[in-house]
Protein backbone atom coordinates (compact mmCIF):
# COMPACT_ATOMS: atom_id res chain seq x y z
CA MET A 1 50.50 93.36 139.90
CA ALA A 2 51.14 97.08 139.78
CA ALA A 3 48.85 99.77 141.08
CA ASP A 4 46.16 101.02 138.69
CA GLY A 5 47.45 104.59 138.96
CA PRO A 6 48.96 107.13 141.33
CA LYS A 7 47.09 107.80 144.54
CA PRO A 8 45.60 111.24 145.15
CA GLY A 9 48.29 113.72 146.11
CA PHE A 10 51.01 111.84 144.25
CA LEU A 11 52.70 112.89 141.04
CA GLY A 12 50.22 112.60 138.18
CA ASN A 13 47.16 112.83 140.43
CA ILE A 14 47.02 116.18 142.20
CA ASN A 15 43.99 118.43 142.32
CA LYS A 16 43.88 122.17 141.68
CA ASP A 17 44.52 123.13 145.30
CA GLN A 18 47.41 120.67 145.64
CA LYS A 19 48.95 122.01 142.43
CA ALA A 20 48.77 125.52 143.88
CA LYS A 21 50.51 124.32 147.06
CA LEU A 22 53.20 122.65 144.97
CA GLN A 23 53.78 125.91 143.11
CA ASN A 24 53.89 127.82 146.40
CA LEU A 25 56.59 125.50 147.72
CA TRP A 26 58.58 125.97 144.52
CA GLU A 27 58.21 129.74 144.96
CA VAL A 28 59.73 129.53 148.44
CA LEU A 29 62.62 127.45 147.19
CA LEU A 30 63.18 129.81 144.26
CA LYS A 31 63.11 132.72 146.69
CA ALA A 32 65.70 130.96 148.84
CA GLY A 33 67.99 130.94 145.81
CA GLU A 34 67.59 134.60 144.89
CA THR A 35 70.74 135.72 146.63
CA SER A 36 73.26 138.31 145.46
CA LEU A 37 76.93 137.92 146.25
CA SER A 38 76.85 141.06 148.35
CA ASN A 39 74.53 139.24 150.75
CA GLU A 40 77.07 136.48 151.24
CA PRO A 41 80.11 136.68 153.55
CA SER A 42 83.06 138.67 152.26
CA ASN A 43 85.18 135.58 151.76
CA ALA A 44 82.63 134.36 149.20
CA CYS A 45 83.26 137.54 147.21
CA GLU A 46 86.98 136.96 147.43
CA GLU A 47 86.63 133.43 146.14
CA GLN A 48 84.70 134.72 143.15
CA HIS A 49 87.03 137.73 142.71
CA VAL A 50 84.11 140.11 143.15
CA THR A 51 84.59 143.29 145.14
CA PRO A 52 81.77 144.86 147.19
CA THR A 53 81.78 147.88 144.85
CA GLN A 54 80.90 145.84 141.78
CA PRO A 55 77.29 145.64 140.59
CA GLN A 56 75.24 143.00 142.35
CA ARG A 57 74.88 139.76 140.43
CA ARG A 58 71.85 137.65 141.20
CA HIS A 59 72.04 133.88 141.18
CA SER A 60 69.28 131.35 141.04
CA LEU A 61 68.99 128.23 143.14
CA LEU A 62 71.44 126.00 141.30
CA SER A 63 74.17 128.46 140.29
CA ARG A 64 77.75 127.55 140.99
CA THR A 65 78.76 130.40 143.28
CA GLN A 66 80.99 129.33 146.12
CA SER A 67 80.68 130.54 149.69
CA ASN A 68 81.63 129.72 153.20
CA VAL A 69 79.22 130.74 155.93
CA SER A 70 80.26 130.30 159.53
CA GLU A 71 78.21 127.89 161.59
CA THR A 72 77.70 130.74 164.11
CA ILE A 73 75.78 133.12 161.83
CA PRO A 74 73.07 134.85 163.94
CA VAL A 75 69.59 133.60 163.15
CA ALA A 76 67.86 135.54 160.34
CA GLN A 77 70.46 138.34 160.42
CA THR A 78 71.64 138.31 156.81
CA PRO A 79 69.53 139.89 154.04
CA TYR A 80 69.30 136.41 152.53
CA GLN A 81 67.71 134.98 155.66
CA GLN A 82 65.51 137.99 156.30
CA ASN A 83 64.19 137.86 152.74
CA ILE A 84 63.11 134.24 153.09
CA MET A 85 61.60 134.66 156.55
CA LYS A 86 59.61 137.71 155.43
CA TYR A 87 58.25 135.77 152.47
CA LEU A 88 57.29 132.80 154.66
CA GLY A 89 55.70 135.13 157.19
CA GLU A 90 53.44 136.45 154.43
CA MET A 91 52.44 132.84 153.77
CA GLY A 92 51.42 132.36 157.39
CA ALA A 93 54.44 130.57 158.82
CA GLY A 94 54.00 129.88 162.53
CA ALA A 95 56.60 130.15 165.27
CA PRO A 96 57.73 126.48 165.31
CA GLU A 97 58.44 126.24 161.59
CA SER A 98 59.95 129.75 161.54
CA LYS A 99 62.36 128.75 164.27
CA ALA A 100 63.25 125.52 162.44
CA ILE A 101 63.85 127.39 159.17
CA GLN A 102 65.98 130.05 160.87
CA LYS A 103 68.07 127.35 162.50
CA ALA A 104 68.53 125.52 159.19
CA LEU A 105 69.43 128.74 157.36
CA SER A 106 72.15 129.43 159.95
CA LYS A 107 73.70 126.01 159.28
CA ILE A 108 73.74 125.83 155.49
CA THR A 109 74.98 128.21 152.83
CA PRO A 110 72.99 129.02 149.70
CA THR A 111 75.51 127.05 147.67
CA GLU A 112 75.16 124.02 149.94
CA LEU A 113 71.40 124.30 149.72
CA ARG A 114 71.53 124.31 145.94
CA THR A 115 73.86 121.33 145.85
CA GLY A 116 71.82 119.56 148.52
CA VAL A 117 68.64 119.86 146.47
CA LEU A 118 70.26 118.25 143.42
CA ASP A 119 71.97 115.55 145.49
CA THR A 120 68.72 114.73 147.27
CA LEU A 121 66.89 114.62 143.96
CA LYS A 122 69.16 112.07 142.21
CA HIS A 123 67.04 110.45 139.45
CA ASP A 124 63.74 111.44 141.04
CA HIS A 125 61.17 113.79 139.54
CA PRO A 126 61.60 117.20 141.25
CA ASP A 127 57.84 117.57 141.76
CA ALA A 128 57.65 114.11 143.32
CA MET A 129 60.29 115.14 145.86
CA MET A 130 58.40 118.35 146.71
CA LEU A 131 55.09 116.50 147.00
CA ARG A 132 56.57 114.11 149.58
CA PHE A 133 57.28 116.98 151.94
CA LEU A 134 53.88 118.54 151.26
CA ARG A 135 52.00 115.30 151.99
CA ALA A 136 54.06 114.75 155.12
CA ARG A 137 53.01 118.17 156.42
CA LYS A 138 49.35 118.03 155.36
CA TRP A 139 49.91 120.49 152.50
CA ASP A 140 51.08 123.27 154.83
CA VAL A 141 53.72 125.02 152.69
CA PRO A 142 55.80 126.72 155.45
CA LYS A 143 55.87 123.47 157.44
CA ALA A 144 56.82 121.49 154.33
CA PHE A 145 59.64 123.94 153.58
CA ALA A 146 60.88 123.73 157.17
CA MET A 147 60.89 119.95 156.93
CA MET A 148 62.74 120.01 153.64
CA MET A 149 65.37 122.40 154.97
CA GLU A 150 65.96 120.23 158.04
CA ALA A 151 66.25 117.11 155.86
CA ILE A 152 68.80 118.75 153.56
CA VAL A 153 70.85 120.07 156.50
CA TRP A 154 70.87 116.56 157.97
CA ARG A 155 71.89 115.10 154.64
CA VAL A 156 74.64 117.63 153.85
CA LYS A 157 75.97 118.59 157.27
CA GLU A 158 75.25 115.77 159.70
CA MET A 159 75.19 112.48 157.82
CA ARG A 160 77.11 113.62 154.72
CA VAL A 161 75.14 111.07 152.74
CA ASP A 162 76.48 111.79 149.27
CA GLU A 163 80.00 112.98 150.05
CA ASP A 164 80.80 110.24 152.54
CA VAL A 165 78.39 107.33 153.01
CA MET A 166 77.56 106.69 149.36
CA ALA A 167 80.78 108.05 147.86
CA LYS A 168 82.92 105.68 149.96
CA GLY A 169 80.58 102.68 150.14
CA GLU A 170 81.45 99.03 150.58
CA LEU A 171 84.90 99.00 148.99
CA HIS A 172 86.05 101.67 151.43
CA ALA A 173 84.80 99.50 154.30
CA LEU A 174 86.72 96.53 152.90
CA LYS A 175 89.90 98.60 152.77
CA GLN A 176 89.30 99.73 156.34
CA THR A 177 89.20 96.10 157.49
CA GLN A 178 92.65 95.63 155.95
CA ASP A 179 94.14 98.64 157.74
CA THR A 180 96.03 96.92 160.55
CA SER A 181 97.70 100.20 161.57
CA ASN A 182 94.46 101.81 162.72
CA VAL A 183 92.32 99.75 165.08
CA SER A 184 89.35 102.16 165.11
CA GLU A 185 89.26 102.33 161.29
CA GLN A 186 89.55 98.57 161.06
CA LYS A 187 86.63 98.11 163.45
CA ALA A 188 84.50 100.70 161.61
CA GLY A 189 85.01 98.85 158.34
CA SER A 190 84.42 95.46 159.93
CA ASP A 191 81.25 96.66 161.69
CA PHE A 192 79.79 97.96 158.45
CA LEU A 193 80.86 95.11 156.19
CA SER A 194 79.85 92.32 158.56
CA GLN A 195 76.23 93.50 158.31
CA MET A 196 76.43 93.42 154.53
CA ARG A 197 77.97 89.96 154.49
CA MET A 198 75.46 88.37 156.85
CA GLY A 199 72.52 89.94 155.02
CA LYS A 200 71.01 91.61 158.05
CA SER A 201 68.89 93.35 155.45
CA TYR A 202 68.62 93.10 151.68
CA VAL A 203 66.61 94.51 148.78
CA HIS A 204 64.93 91.94 146.57
CA GLY A 205 61.73 91.62 144.55
CA VAL A 206 58.56 93.68 144.53
CA ASP A 207 55.21 93.52 146.29
CA ARG A 208 51.76 93.45 144.67
CA LEU A 209 51.92 97.22 144.06
CA GLY A 210 55.30 97.02 142.37
CA ARG A 211 57.18 98.44 145.36
CA PRO A 212 60.71 97.12 146.00
CA ILE A 213 60.94 94.97 149.12
CA VAL A 214 63.50 95.56 151.85
CA VAL A 215 63.80 92.52 154.10
CA VAL A 216 65.26 93.02 157.59
CA ARG A 217 66.21 89.79 159.36
CA VAL A 218 65.98 90.94 162.94
CA ARG A 219 67.46 87.76 164.43
CA LEU A 220 70.82 88.59 162.85
CA HIS A 221 71.29 91.71 164.94
CA LYS A 222 73.37 91.16 168.06
CA PRO A 223 73.55 93.80 170.81
CA GLY A 224 76.88 95.57 170.96
CA ALA A 225 78.22 93.91 167.80
CA GLN A 226 78.42 97.28 166.05
CA THR A 227 78.80 100.84 167.22
CA GLU A 228 75.83 103.18 166.99
CA GLU A 229 77.66 105.15 164.29
CA SER A 230 78.24 102.02 162.19
CA LEU A 231 74.59 101.03 162.56
CA GLU A 232 73.39 104.43 161.41
CA ARG A 233 75.79 104.42 158.47
CA TYR A 234 74.54 100.98 157.48
CA ILE A 235 70.88 102.04 157.80
CA VAL A 236 71.41 105.08 155.54
CA HIS A 237 73.33 102.92 153.08
CA VAL A 238 70.38 100.52 152.84
CA ILE A 239 67.80 103.31 152.48
CA GLU A 240 69.83 105.02 149.76
CA SER A 241 70.27 101.67 148.01
CA VAL A 242 66.54 101.03 147.83
CA ARG A 243 65.95 104.62 146.68
CA LEU A 244 68.01 103.83 143.60
CA THR A 245 65.60 101.01 142.72
CA LEU A 246 62.54 103.28 142.78
CA ALA A 247 61.32 104.13 139.30
CA SER A 248 58.25 106.13 138.31
CA PRO A 249 55.39 105.59 138.93
CA VAL A 250 56.55 103.67 142.05
CA GLU A 251 57.59 106.16 144.76
CA THR A 252 57.63 104.08 147.93
CA ALA A 253 59.13 100.85 149.25
CA ALA A 254 57.82 97.92 151.27
CA VAL A 255 59.81 97.06 154.42
CA LEU A 256 59.47 93.54 155.78
CA PHE A 257 60.81 92.91 159.28
CA ASP A 258 61.26 89.16 159.51
CA MET A 259 60.97 88.36 163.23
CA THR A 260 61.54 84.63 162.78
CA GLY A 261 63.95 83.48 165.46
CA PHE A 262 63.56 86.70 167.46
CA GLY A 263 64.82 85.99 170.97
CA LEU A 264 65.83 87.52 174.25
CA SER A 265 69.12 88.83 172.89
CA ASN A 266 67.26 90.77 170.22
CA MET A 267 64.74 91.99 172.78
CA TRP A 268 67.50 93.42 174.91
CA PHE A 269 68.73 95.33 171.89
CA THR A 270 65.32 96.92 171.45
CA LEU A 271 64.93 97.89 175.09
CA GLN A 272 68.45 98.99 175.94
CA GLU A 273 69.89 100.12 172.62
CA TYR A 274 66.83 101.96 171.35
CA PRO A 275 68.72 104.80 169.56
CA PRO A 276 69.04 102.75 166.32
CA VAL A 277 65.29 102.05 166.39
CA LYS A 278 64.57 105.74 166.84
CA PHE A 279 67.05 106.55 164.08
CA ILE A 280 65.18 104.29 161.65
CA LEU A 281 61.88 105.93 162.59
CA LYS A 282 63.37 109.40 162.18
CA CYS A 283 64.60 108.45 158.72
CA PHE A 284 61.12 107.31 157.69
CA GLU A 285 59.38 110.29 159.25
CA ALA A 286 61.73 113.23 158.67
CA ASN A 287 64.72 112.54 156.47
CA TYR A 288 62.99 110.37 153.84
CA PRO A 289 59.31 111.39 154.22
CA GLU A 290 56.63 109.52 152.33
CA SER A 291 59.11 106.92 151.10
CA LEU A 292 57.62 104.06 153.12
CA GLY A 293 54.66 102.38 151.46
CA ILE A 294 54.03 99.59 153.94
CA MET A 295 55.81 97.99 156.91
CA LEU A 296 55.22 94.28 157.42
CA ILE A 297 56.17 92.71 160.76
CA HIS A 298 56.33 89.00 160.11
CA ASN A 299 56.33 86.10 162.59
CA ALA A 300 56.57 88.27 165.70
CA PRO A 301 56.65 86.10 168.86
CA TRP A 302 54.52 86.91 171.87
CA VAL A 303 57.46 88.51 173.71
CA PHE A 304 57.49 91.23 171.07
CA SER A 305 54.03 92.53 172.00
CA GLY A 306 55.29 94.57 174.94
CA ILE A 307 58.17 95.95 172.92
CA TRP A 308 55.79 96.88 170.12
CA ARG A 309 53.71 99.03 172.49
CA LEU A 310 56.89 100.94 173.34
CA ILE A 311 57.97 101.37 169.70
CA ARG A 312 54.48 102.38 168.58
CA GLY A 313 54.59 105.20 171.11
CA TRP A 314 57.63 106.61 169.31
CA MET A 315 56.00 106.40 165.90
CA ASP A 316 54.33 109.13 163.94
CA PRO A 317 50.66 108.09 163.51
CA GLU A 318 51.11 108.15 159.73
CA ILE A 319 53.92 105.59 159.98
CA ALA A 320 52.06 103.47 162.52
CA ALA A 321 49.07 103.30 160.15
CA LYS A 322 51.28 101.62 157.55
CA VAL A 323 52.22 98.71 159.83
CA GLN A 324 50.71 95.28 159.16
CA PHE A 325 51.39 92.09 161.15
CA THR A 326 51.69 88.78 159.31
CA ASN A 327 52.09 85.34 160.86
CA SER A 328 52.09 82.99 157.88
CA VAL A 329 52.94 82.83 154.21
CA ALA A 330 49.21 83.14 153.51
CA ASP A 331 49.22 86.46 155.38
CA LEU A 332 52.27 87.63 153.45
CA GLU A 333 50.62 86.63 150.19
CA LYS A 334 48.03 89.36 150.67
CA PHE A 335 50.82 91.85 150.07
CA ILE A 336 53.48 89.93 148.12
CA PRO A 337 52.93 87.34 145.37
CA ARG A 338 53.97 83.88 146.55
CA ASN A 339 56.56 83.62 143.79
CA GLN A 340 58.21 86.75 145.22
CA ILE A 341 58.33 85.31 148.75
CA VAL A 342 61.59 83.46 149.35
CA LYS A 343 61.57 79.89 150.60
CA GLU A 344 63.16 81.03 153.85
CA MET A 345 59.79 82.60 154.69
CA GLY A 346 57.69 79.79 153.26
CA GLY A 347 57.28 81.18 149.76
CA ALA A 348 57.94 79.65 146.34
CA GLU A 349 60.97 81.67 145.28
CA ASP A 350 64.19 79.66 145.30
CA TRP A 351 66.49 82.57 146.08
CA SER A 352 68.74 83.40 148.98
CA TYR A 353 70.92 86.38 149.74
CA LYS A 354 74.58 86.02 148.85
CA TYR A 355 76.94 88.93 149.30
CA ILE A 356 79.31 89.62 146.42
CA GLU A 357 82.56 91.14 147.64
CA PRO A 358 83.70 94.46 146.16
CA SER A 359 86.43 94.36 143.51
CA ALA A 360 89.51 96.56 143.75
CA GLU A 361 88.76 98.51 140.55
CA GLU A 362 84.97 98.77 140.65
CA ASN A 363 85.05 102.47 141.58
CA SER A 364 87.77 103.44 139.09
CA SER A 365 85.39 105.83 137.28
CA MET A 366 85.40 108.02 140.39
CA ASN A 367 89.04 108.87 139.65
CA ASP A 368 88.00 110.52 136.38
CA THR A 369 87.33 113.96 137.83
CA THR A 370 87.30 115.60 134.40
CA THR A 371 84.26 113.63 133.24
CA ARG A 372 82.66 113.97 136.66
CA ASP A 373 82.98 117.75 136.65
CA ALA A 374 81.68 118.00 133.08
CA LEU A 375 78.58 115.96 133.99
CA LYS A 376 78.08 117.98 137.17
CA GLY A 377 78.29 121.15 135.10
CA GLU A 378 75.71 119.77 132.70
CA ARG A 379 73.48 118.93 135.65
CA GLN A 380 73.78 122.45 137.03
CA SER A 381 72.88 123.87 133.63
CA ILE A 382 69.83 121.62 133.23
CA GLY A 383 68.78 122.51 136.76
CA GLU A 384 68.94 126.22 135.95
CA GLU A 385 66.78 125.67 132.88
CA PHE A 386 64.30 123.65 134.92
CA LEU A 387 63.99 126.38 137.55
CA SER A 388 63.49 128.99 134.85
CA ALA A 389 60.74 126.86 133.31
CA THR A 390 59.24 126.37 136.78
CA SER A 391 59.13 130.13 137.35
CA THR A 392 57.47 130.57 133.95
CA TRP A 393 55.00 127.79 134.81
CA ILE A 394 54.05 129.51 138.09
CA ASP A 395 53.63 132.92 136.42
CA ALA A 396 51.58 131.43 133.58
CA SER A 397 49.30 129.68 136.10
CA LYS A 398 48.73 132.93 137.95
CA SER A 399 47.87 134.74 134.70
CA LYS A 400 45.70 131.80 133.65
CA ASP A 401 47.34 131.77 130.24
CA ALA A 402 46.55 128.21 129.14
CA VAL A 403 48.94 128.28 126.19
CA LYS A 404 51.88 129.40 128.34
CA VAL A 405 50.96 126.88 131.04
CA GLN A 406 50.98 124.02 128.55
CA SER A 407 54.22 125.24 126.98
CA SER A 408 56.00 125.55 130.34
CA GLU A 409 54.72 122.16 131.48
CA SER A 410 56.07 120.55 128.31
CA GLU A 411 59.41 122.25 128.83
CA ARG A 412 59.55 121.09 132.45
CA ASP A 413 58.77 117.50 131.44
CA TYR A 414 61.57 117.60 128.87
CA LEU A 415 64.05 118.96 131.42
CA VAL A 416 62.99 116.45 134.09
CA GLU A 417 63.88 113.63 131.71
CA ARG A 418 67.21 115.28 130.94
CA LEU A 419 67.93 115.50 134.68
CA ARG A 420 67.10 111.80 135.10
CA VAL A 421 69.32 110.74 132.20
CA ASN A 422 72.11 113.01 133.42
CA TYR A 423 71.98 111.50 136.91
CA TRP A 424 72.56 107.97 135.66
CA LYS A 425 75.46 109.20 133.51
CA LEU A 426 76.96 110.94 136.54
CA ASP A 427 76.24 108.12 138.97
CA PRO A 428 79.39 105.98 138.33
CA TYR A 429 81.58 109.04 138.94
CA VAL A 430 80.10 110.06 142.31
CA ARG A 431 78.74 106.88 143.92
CA ALA A 432 80.65 103.80 145.02
CA ARG A 433 79.26 100.54 143.67
CA LEU A 434 76.82 98.56 145.79
CA CYS A 435 76.16 94.87 146.10
CA LEU A 436 73.03 95.64 144.03
CA ASP A 437 75.31 96.87 141.23
CA ARG A 438 77.45 93.75 141.40
CA MET A 439 74.33 91.58 141.40
CA ARG A 440 73.25 93.46 138.25
CA VAL A 441 70.01 94.56 139.90
CA ILE A 442 71.00 98.18 139.17
CA GLN A 443 72.13 98.32 135.56
CA ASP A 444 73.41 100.95 133.15
CA GLY A 445 71.13 103.95 132.71
CA GLY A 446 69.23 103.16 135.91
CA LYS A 447 67.51 100.05 134.58
CA ILE A 448 66.32 97.93 137.52
CA GLU A 449 66.12 94.17 137.12
CA PHE A 450 65.67 92.01 140.21
CA TYR A 451 66.10 88.93 138.02
CA PRO A 452 68.95 89.88 135.67
CA LYS A 453 69.35 87.61 132.67
CA ASP A 454 72.96 88.52 131.93
CA THR A 455 76.04 87.17 133.68
CA PRO A 456 76.11 88.09 137.39
CA ALA A 457 78.80 90.53 138.43
CA GLU A 458 80.12 87.88 140.77
CA SER A 459 81.97 86.25 137.87
CA GLU A 460 83.68 89.58 137.12
CA ASP A 461 84.76 90.13 140.71
CA THR A 462 86.49 86.85 141.35
CA THR A 463 90.18 86.65 142.13
CA LYS A 464 92.81 85.82 139.52
CA GLU A 465 93.18 82.34 140.98
CA SER A 466 89.44 81.60 140.74
CA LYS A 467 89.40 82.69 137.08
CA VAL A 468 92.21 80.24 136.37
CA GLU A 469 90.24 77.51 138.11
CA HIS A 470 87.23 78.39 135.99
CA LEU A 471 89.25 78.09 132.76
CA GLU A 472 90.61 74.74 133.88
CA LYS A 473 87.07 73.44 134.35
CA VAL A 474 85.91 74.79 131.01
CA ASN A 475 88.89 73.72 128.90
CA GLY A 476 89.84 70.59 130.79
CA THR A 477 93.42 71.83 130.99
CA VAL A 478 95.85 72.24 133.81
CA VAL A 479 97.47 75.65 134.03
CA GLN A 480 100.96 75.54 135.47
CA PRO A 481 101.90 78.40 137.80
CA VAL A 482 104.36 80.92 136.41
CA SER A 483 107.75 80.53 138.03
């Protein structure tokens, strides 16, 4: 049973004041992109074959200019930084958010910011992404912009989500496990892949509001079994995986922590190895704001009560308010239909997690850099058009020209759909395949089907020997090995 409609403050249900805040945030982001090459370091000019004496060329947020800004740029010293900070100051930015924005601006170049926005967006509606940051900061535009900048810096510079985690994926981890010449690489791959194979967490089904469900089986975590880095990589991999299953009008996910079988070994993990717990909370609160719809803690034993008091103290009140405790299938049924609750948790669904191993050629499209670059170029072009339409939309709203407002809104809607379609065309060339792809949950064009009717990818990923065995069973023949 899906929700009747978007909640207030979500895409499709914003009031006049919230719309104005949304436009203000877009103005800040557009301003952040209004940078001439002369404001960039000299090596950027060299890369573009532009000399300082040439006329200044202005570039919008998603242009393809290349630059390299040192990590040690003084805070708010370049014209680019000063321009943004002055604009935010006029909007009433306080000291904390100003400091955060200055720090972020010193760490990321305009080009990286532009790319980071598109990479963060993926198939999402651009306004939906902006609204998440606005809701998370109570519609305070400077604070929302500061939050967004920090999230993009984390994504691009620290975690390297798109260039590393999702671009390499599960097949890379499998290859690492086979690298006997490098013990650290072998362990990194084994740490990551073992969590996938055991199903420490998985994405399956939807709740009563149509939100995809992420199940975390806490009992499967063993202290010290993986490094902190491998745990964080795995956590981001899972979050990004569920993001791909979100489709309008559903913007959030349901996370179900299954505490069945939770014991002392798991408790020691929570008390002594708390960084992963804090990392998860930071992801929900800062790096993926407003992406959590509900958090269900199921079958928690009495020993967890003391630990919960500790964890709750780390939580943002907004996250804590989304936590619900369930102790039976009847409790779960308030949030998830019984036929979507797996038998393992007392439900009626006869389904269990089975990991499908990566195949050697599943990421072959990523070798086609010509098609990749063409699709990226198309995406940049659509993005430029969208920003132009957004600027027109903001100007028309200020002038209260209803005809221009309607025209610009129609143009933006058209370009948003083009961005979505483009992402799913580009996806096979920039993202390694997931177990969800092999299970046919994520299908061509971004279609999501938790109960795919076509042949599972598992049959396509079997070894040559298993295919022969399959033919023998079907045809009743015996295939002699080739000598």
